[in-house]
Amino acid sequence: MHRMKVIGTIIIGLALALSLGGCAPASTPSAPSATMTPTTDGASAPSPGLIAYLDLDRRLWVMDADGQNRRPLVQEEEVSALAWSPDGQTLACIGQEAGSEARQAVLCDLSTRQRRVIGPADERLSRLVWSPDGRYLVLDSGTGLVRALRIVEVADGQVVREVEAIGYA
């Protein structure tokens, strides 16, 4: 199952790269590989001309659409589940520090390059989605059909509502 998900992600990433006219070769030897993970369901379009991706070590990078100006956003922890804010200025992701089971929602401000953890740590955190106005982030965690949805206010990082659900959110 995981292998099929990885293959599907690579295919989607390649389709995205081809639709943008291909990826330019790396200009810096230390740049990460071109393995991309597209944004999650419900993510709005990012800032014009930017691509966010994960390298093989699951570190978060952004680059211009032409493949130039690669820069790291999150390097201290493994990252998954990318989601652009509606205004395209903030990238939310799930971060997990090495040796820890806990996962946390991390906001990366593209203009200041600051990162901030919001909401509670949860080892079952698997997806996140922005509200259309960008004021809230919905954190989806759980196992199988039993899900917990937490609505977190982005401004202060506090959970404003928690909903237990059966089924996929």
C-alpha atoms as a PDB file:
ATOM      1  CA  MET A   1       0.000   0.000   0.000  1.00  0.00           C
ATOM      2  CA  HIS A   2       2.765   2.443   0.967  1.00  0.00           C
ATOM      3  CA  ARG A   3       4.721   1.522  -2.163  1.00  0.00           C
ATOM      4  CA  MET A   4       1.713   2.297  -4.382  1.00  0.00           C
ATOM      5  CA  LYS A   5       1.254   5.630  -2.624  1.00  0.00           C
ATOM      6  CA  VAL A   6       4.927   6.513  -3.247  1.00  0.00           C
ATOM      7  CA  ILE A   7       4.668   5.504  -6.910  1.00  0.00           C
ATOM      8  CA  GLY A   8       1.477   7.553  -7.265  1.00  0.00           C
ATOM      9  CA  THR A   9       3.196  10.546  -5.661  1.00  0.00           C
ATOM     10  CA  ILE A  10       6.143  10.276  -8.052  1.00  0.00           C
ATOM     11  CA  ILE A  11       3.812  10.066 -11.056  1.00  0.00           C
ATOM     12  CA  ILE A  12       1.851  13.133  -9.892  1.00  0.00           C
ATOM     13  CA  GLY A  13       5.107  14.997  -9.211  1.00  0.00           C
ATOM     14  CA  LEU A  14       6.426  14.175 -12.685  1.00  0.00           C
ATOM     15  CA  ALA A  15       3.149  15.262 -14.275  1.00  0.00           C
ATOM     16  CA  LEU A  16       3.368  18.541 -12.357  1.00  0.00           C
ATOM     17  CA  ALA A  17       6.973  19.067 -13.463  1.00  0.00           C
ATOM     18  CA  LEU A  18       6.104  18.358 -17.107  1.00  0.00           C
ATOM     19  CA  SER A  19       3.101  20.687 -16.997  1.00  0.00           C
ATOM     20  CA  LEU A  20       5.417  23.467 -15.781  1.00  0.00           C
ATOM     21  CA  GLY A  21       7.808  22.880 -18.658  1.00  0.00           C
ATOM     22  CA  GLY A  22      10.145  20.474 -16.893  1.00  0.00           C
ATOM     23  CA  CYS A  23      12.667  21.001 -14.140  1.00  0.00           C
ATOM     24  CA  ALA A  24      15.965  22.716 -14.780  1.00  0.00           C
ATOM     25  CA  PRO A  25      19.080  20.826 -13.730  1.00  0.00           C
ATOM     26  CA  ALA A  26      20.405  21.522 -10.250  1.00  0.00           C
ATOM     27  CA  SER A  27      22.784  24.476 -10.139  1.00  0.00           C
ATOM     28  CA  THR A  28      24.162  23.620  -6.699  1.00  0.00           C
ATOM     29  CA  PRO A  29      25.764  20.223  -5.986  1.00  0.00           C
ATOM     30  CA  SER A  30      24.221  20.105  -2.502  1.00  0.00           C
ATOM     31  CA  ALA A  31      20.679  20.632  -3.796  1.00  0.00           C
ATOM     32  CA  PRO A  32      18.191  17.848  -3.035  1.00  0.00           C
ATOM     33  CA  SER A  33      16.925  15.363  -5.569  1.00  0.00           C
ATOM     34  CA  ALA A  34      13.961  16.286  -7.730  1.00  0.00           C
ATOM     35  CA  THR A  35      11.588  13.856  -6.021  1.00  0.00           C
ATOM     36  CA  MET A  36       8.464  15.927  -5.434  1.00  0.00           C
ATOM     37  CA  THR A  37       5.429  15.465  -3.261  1.00  0.00           C
ATOM     38  CA  PRO A  38       2.523  17.636  -4.414  1.00  0.00           C
ATOM     39  CA  THR A  39       0.384  19.582  -1.991  1.00  0.00           C
ATOM     40  CA  THR A  40      -2.452  17.786  -0.226  1.00  0.00           C
ATOM     41  CA  ASP A  41      -6.135  17.795  -1.181  1.00  0.00           C
ATOM     42  CA  GLY A  42      -7.808  21.131  -0.638  1.00  0.00           C
ATOM     43  CA  ALA A  43      -4.609  23.181  -0.934  1.00  0.00           C
ATOM     44  CA  SER A  44      -4.937  26.483  -2.740  1.00  0.00           C
ATOM     45  CA  ALA A  45      -2.524  27.595  -5.418  1.00  0.00           C
ATOM     46  CA  PRO A  46       0.824  28.647  -3.965  1.00  0.00           C
ATOM     47  CA  SER A  47       2.587  31.940  -4.471  1.00  0.00           C
ATOM     48  CA  PRO A  48       3.025  32.437  -8.208  1.00  0.00           C
ATOM     49  CA  GLY A  49       6.013  30.576  -9.529  1.00  0.00           C
ATOM     50  CA  LEU A  50       6.915  28.552  -6.414  1.00  0.00           C
ATOM     51  CA  ILE A  51       7.107  24.782  -5.985  1.00  0.00           C
ATOM     52  CA  ALA A  52       7.353  23.083  -2.580  1.00  0.00           C
ATOM     53  CA  TYR A  53       8.769  19.578  -2.414  1.00  0.00           C
ATOM     54  CA  LEU A  54      10.306  16.995  -0.123  1.00  0.00           C
ATOM     55  CA  ASP A  55      13.730  15.504  -0.752  1.00  0.00           C
ATOM     56  CA  LEU A  56      14.523  11.828  -0.195  1.00  0.00           C
ATOM     57  CA  ASP A  57      15.177  12.519   3.507  1.00  0.00           C
ATOM     58  CA  ARG A  58      11.697  14.122   3.792  1.00  0.00           C
ATOM     59  CA  ARG A  59      13.122  17.632   4.279  1.00  0.00           C
ATOM     60  CA  LEU A  60      11.036  20.540   2.956  1.00  0.00           C
ATOM     61  CA  TRP A  61      12.368  22.781   0.190  1.00  0.00           C
ATOM     62  CA  VAL A  62      10.922  25.465  -2.092  1.00  0.00           C
ATOM     63  CA  MET A  63      12.185  26.601  -5.465  1.00  0.00           C
ATOM     64  CA  ASP A  64      11.132  28.808  -8.328  1.00  0.00           C
ATOM     65  CA  ALA A  65       9.057  27.148 -11.043  1.00  0.00           C
ATOM     66  CA  ASP A  66      12.074  27.177 -13.358  1.00  0.00           C
ATOM     67  CA  GLY A  67      14.053  25.023 -10.873  1.00  0.00           C
ATOM     68  CA  GLN A  68      16.277  27.887  -9.708  1.00  0.00           C
ATOM     69  CA  ASN A  69      16.667  29.488  -6.270  1.00  0.00           C
ATOM     70  CA  ARG A  70      16.247  26.323  -4.188  1.00  0.00           C
ATOM     71  CA  ARG A  71      16.047  26.987  -0.467  1.00  0.00           C
ATOM     72  CA  PRO A  72      15.304  24.877   2.604  1.00  0.00           C
ATOM     73  CA  LEU A  73      12.258  25.566   4.768  1.00  0.00           C
ATOM     74  CA  VAL A  74      12.306  22.703   7.293  1.00  0.00           C
ATOM     75  CA  GLN A  75      15.491  20.689   7.723  1.00  0.00           C
ATOM     76  CA  GLU A  76      15.369  19.726  11.415  1.00  0.00           C
ATOM     77  CA  GLU A  77      12.615  17.135  11.114  1.00  0.00           C
ATOM     78  CA  GLU A  78      10.914  14.770   8.670  1.00  0.00           C
ATOM     79  CA  VAL A  79       8.011  16.407   6.872  1.00  0.00           C
ATOM     80  CA  SER A  80       4.800  15.184   5.253  1.00  0.00           C
ATOM     81  CA  ALA A  81       1.383  16.478   4.147  1.00  0.00           C
ATOM     82  CA  LEU A  82       2.066  19.881   2.562  1.00  0.00           C
ATOM     83  CA  ALA A  83      -0.709  22.495   2.306  1.00  0.00           C
ATOM     84  CA  TRP A  84      -0.408  26.069   0.970  1.00  0.00           C
ATOM     85  CA  SER A  85      -2.317  28.860   2.726  1.00  0.00           C
ATOM     86  CA  PRO A  86      -5.004  30.522   0.578  1.00  0.00           C
ATOM     87  CA  ASP A  87      -2.839  33.652   0.172  1.00  0.00           C
ATOM     88  CA  GLY A  88       0.180  31.543  -0.850  1.00  0.00           C
ATOM     89  CA  GLN A  89       2.449  33.115   1.793  1.00  0.00           C
ATOM     90  CA  THR A  90       2.525  30.238   4.309  1.00  0.00           C
ATOM     91  CA  LEU A  91       3.157  26.554   3.860  1.00  0.00           C
ATOM     92  CA  ALA A  92       1.738  24.181   6.471  1.00  0.00           C
ATOM     93  CA  CYS A  93       3.183  20.719   6.916  1.00  0.00           C
ATOM     94  CA  ILE A  94       3.388  17.891   9.415  1.00  0.00           C
ATOM     95  CA  GLY A  95       6.774  17.640  11.102  1.00  0.00           C
ATOM     96  CA  GLN A  96       8.224  14.756  13.103  1.00  0.00           C
ATOM     97  CA  GLU A  97      11.527  15.065  14.952  1.00  0.00           C
ATOM     98  CA  ALA A  98      13.993  12.184  14.662  1.00  0.00           C
ATOM     99  CA  GLY A  99      13.420   9.561  17.352  1.00  0.00           C
ATOM    100  CA  SER A 100       9.985  10.917  18.255  1.00  0.00           C
ATOM    101  CA  GLU A 101       6.598   9.374  17.536  1.00  0.00           C
ATOM    102  CA  ALA A 102       4.811  12.728  17.915  1.00  0.00           C
ATOM    103  CA  ARG A 103       3.859  14.691  14.818  1.00  0.00           C
ATOM    104  CA  GLN A 104       3.032  18.387  14.848  1.00  0.00           C
ATOM    105  CA  ALA A 105       1.593  20.932  12.454  1.00  0.00           C
ATOM    106  CA  VAL A 106       4.281  23.405  11.407  1.00  0.00           C
ATOM    107  CA  LEU A 107       3.686  26.732   9.649  1.00  0.00           C
ATOM    108  CA  CYS A 108       6.469  28.093   7.449  1.00  0.00           C
ATOM    109  CA  ASP A 109       6.194  31.784   6.562  1.00  0.00           C
ATOM    110  CA  LEU A 110       7.806  32.249   3.146  1.00  0.00           C
ATOM    111  CA  SER A 111       8.536  35.966   3.551  1.00  0.00           C
ATOM    112  CA  THR A 112      10.243  35.762   6.972  1.00  0.00           C
ATOM    113  CA  ARG A 113      11.412  32.111   6.714  1.00  0.00           C
ATOM    114  CA  GLN A 114      10.173  31.658  10.279  1.00  0.00           C
ATOM    115  CA  ARG A 115       8.561  28.378  11.329  1.00  0.00           C
ATOM    116  CA  ARG A 116       6.027  27.928  14.086  1.00  0.00           C
ATOM    117  CA  VAL A 117       4.410  24.835  15.600  1.00  0.00           C
ATOM    118  CA  ILE A 118       0.656  25.055  16.152  1.00  0.00           C
ATOM    119  CA  GLY A 119      -1.868  22.719  17.741  1.00  0.00           C
ATOM    120  CA  PRO A 120      -1.166  19.657  19.878  1.00  0.00           C
ATOM    121  CA  ALA A 121       1.375  16.940  19.120  1.00  0.00           C
ATOM    122  CA  ASP A 122      -0.277  13.737  17.935  1.00  0.00           C
ATOM    123  CA  GLU A 123       1.405  10.583  16.659  1.00  0.00           C
ATOM    124  CA  ARG A 124      -1.637   9.895  14.449  1.00  0.00           C
ATOM    125  CA  LEU A 125      -1.648  13.296  12.675  1.00  0.00           C
ATOM    126  CA  SER A 126      -1.831  12.549   8.968  1.00  0.00           C
ATOM    127  CA  ARG A 127      -3.405  15.460   7.040  1.00  0.00           C
ATOM    128  CA  LEU A 128      -4.035  19.165   7.291  1.00  0.00           C
ATOM    129  CA  VAL A 129      -6.226  21.539   5.310  1.00  0.00           C
ATOM    130  CA  TRP A 130      -6.593  25.334   5.415  1.00  0.00           C
ATOM    131  CA  SER A 131      -9.946  27.064   5.785  1.00  0.00           C
ATOM    132  CA  PRO A 132     -10.781  29.167   2.696  1.00  0.00           C
ATOM    133  CA  ASP A 133     -10.089  32.422   4.591  1.00  0.00           C
ATOM    134  CA  GLY A 134      -6.769  31.177   6.020  1.00  0.00           C
ATOM    135  CA  ARG A 135      -7.807  31.760   9.658  1.00  0.00           C
ATOM    136  CA  TYR A 136      -7.953  28.078  10.577  1.00  0.00           C
ATOM    137  CA  LEU A 137      -6.106  24.869   9.906  1.00  0.00           C
ATOM    138  CA  VAL A 138      -7.934  21.550  10.219  1.00  0.00           C
ATOM    139  CA  LEU A 139      -5.740  18.756  11.588  1.00  0.00           C
ATOM    140  CA  ASP A 140      -6.865  15.228  10.721  1.00  0.00           C
ATOM    141  CA  SER A 141      -5.590  12.364  12.845  1.00  0.00           C
ATOM    142  CA  GLY A 142      -6.690   8.875  13.695  1.00  0.00           C
ATOM    143  CA  THR A 143      -6.386   5.293  12.633  1.00  0.00           C
ATOM    144  CA  GLY A 144      -8.484   3.676   9.943  1.00  0.00           C
ATOM    145  CA  LEU A 145     -12.054   4.872  10.086  1.00  0.00           C
ATOM    146  CA  VAL A 146     -11.899   6.509  13.529  1.00  0.00           C
ATOM    147  CA  ARG A 147     -10.764  10.099  13.006  1.00  0.00           C
ATOM    148  CA  ALA A 148     -10.212  13.153  15.195  1.00  0.00           C
ATOM    149  CA  LEU A 149     -10.520  16.535  13.525  1.00  0.00           C
ATOM    150  CA  ARG A 150      -9.069  19.547  15.335  1.00  0.00           C
ATOM    151  CA  ILE A 151      -9.752  23.061  14.136  1.00  0.00           C
ATOM    152  CA  VAL A 152      -6.797  25.251  15.104  1.00  0.00           C
ATOM    153  CA  GLU A 153      -6.811  29.049  14.942  1.00  0.00           C
ATOM    154  CA  VAL A 154      -3.696  30.019  13.017  1.00  0.00           C
ATOM    155  CA  ALA A 155      -3.195  33.364  14.809  1.00  0.00           C
ATOM    156  CA  ASP A 156      -2.681  31.840  18.272  1.00  0.00           C
ATOM    157  CA  GLY A 157      -2.208  28.120  17.515  1.00  0.00           C
ATOM    158  CA  GLN A 158      -5.004  27.064  19.857  1.00  0.00           C
ATOM    159  CA  VAL A 159      -7.574  24.338  19.189  1.00  0.00           C
ATOM    160  CA  VAL A 160     -10.994  25.996  18.912  1.00  0.00           C
ATOM    161  CA  ARG A 161     -12.986  22.842  18.222  1.00  0.00           C
ATOM    162  CA  GLU A 162     -12.421  19.108  18.215  1.00  0.00           C
ATOM    163  CA  VAL A 163     -14.679  16.622  16.463  1.00  0.00           C
ATOM    164  CA  GLU A 164     -14.534  12.834  16.662  1.00  0.00           C
ATOM    165  CA  ALA A 165     -15.641  11.226  13.422  1.00  0.00           C
ATOM    166  CA  ILE A 166     -16.088   7.835  11.862  1.00  0.00           C
ATOM    167  CA  GLY A 167     -15.024   7.772   8.247  1.00  0.00           C
ATOM    168  CA  TYR A 168     -12.496   9.635   6.194  1.00  0.00           C
ATOM    169  CA  ALA A 169     -12.444  13.398   6.476  1.00  0.00           C
END
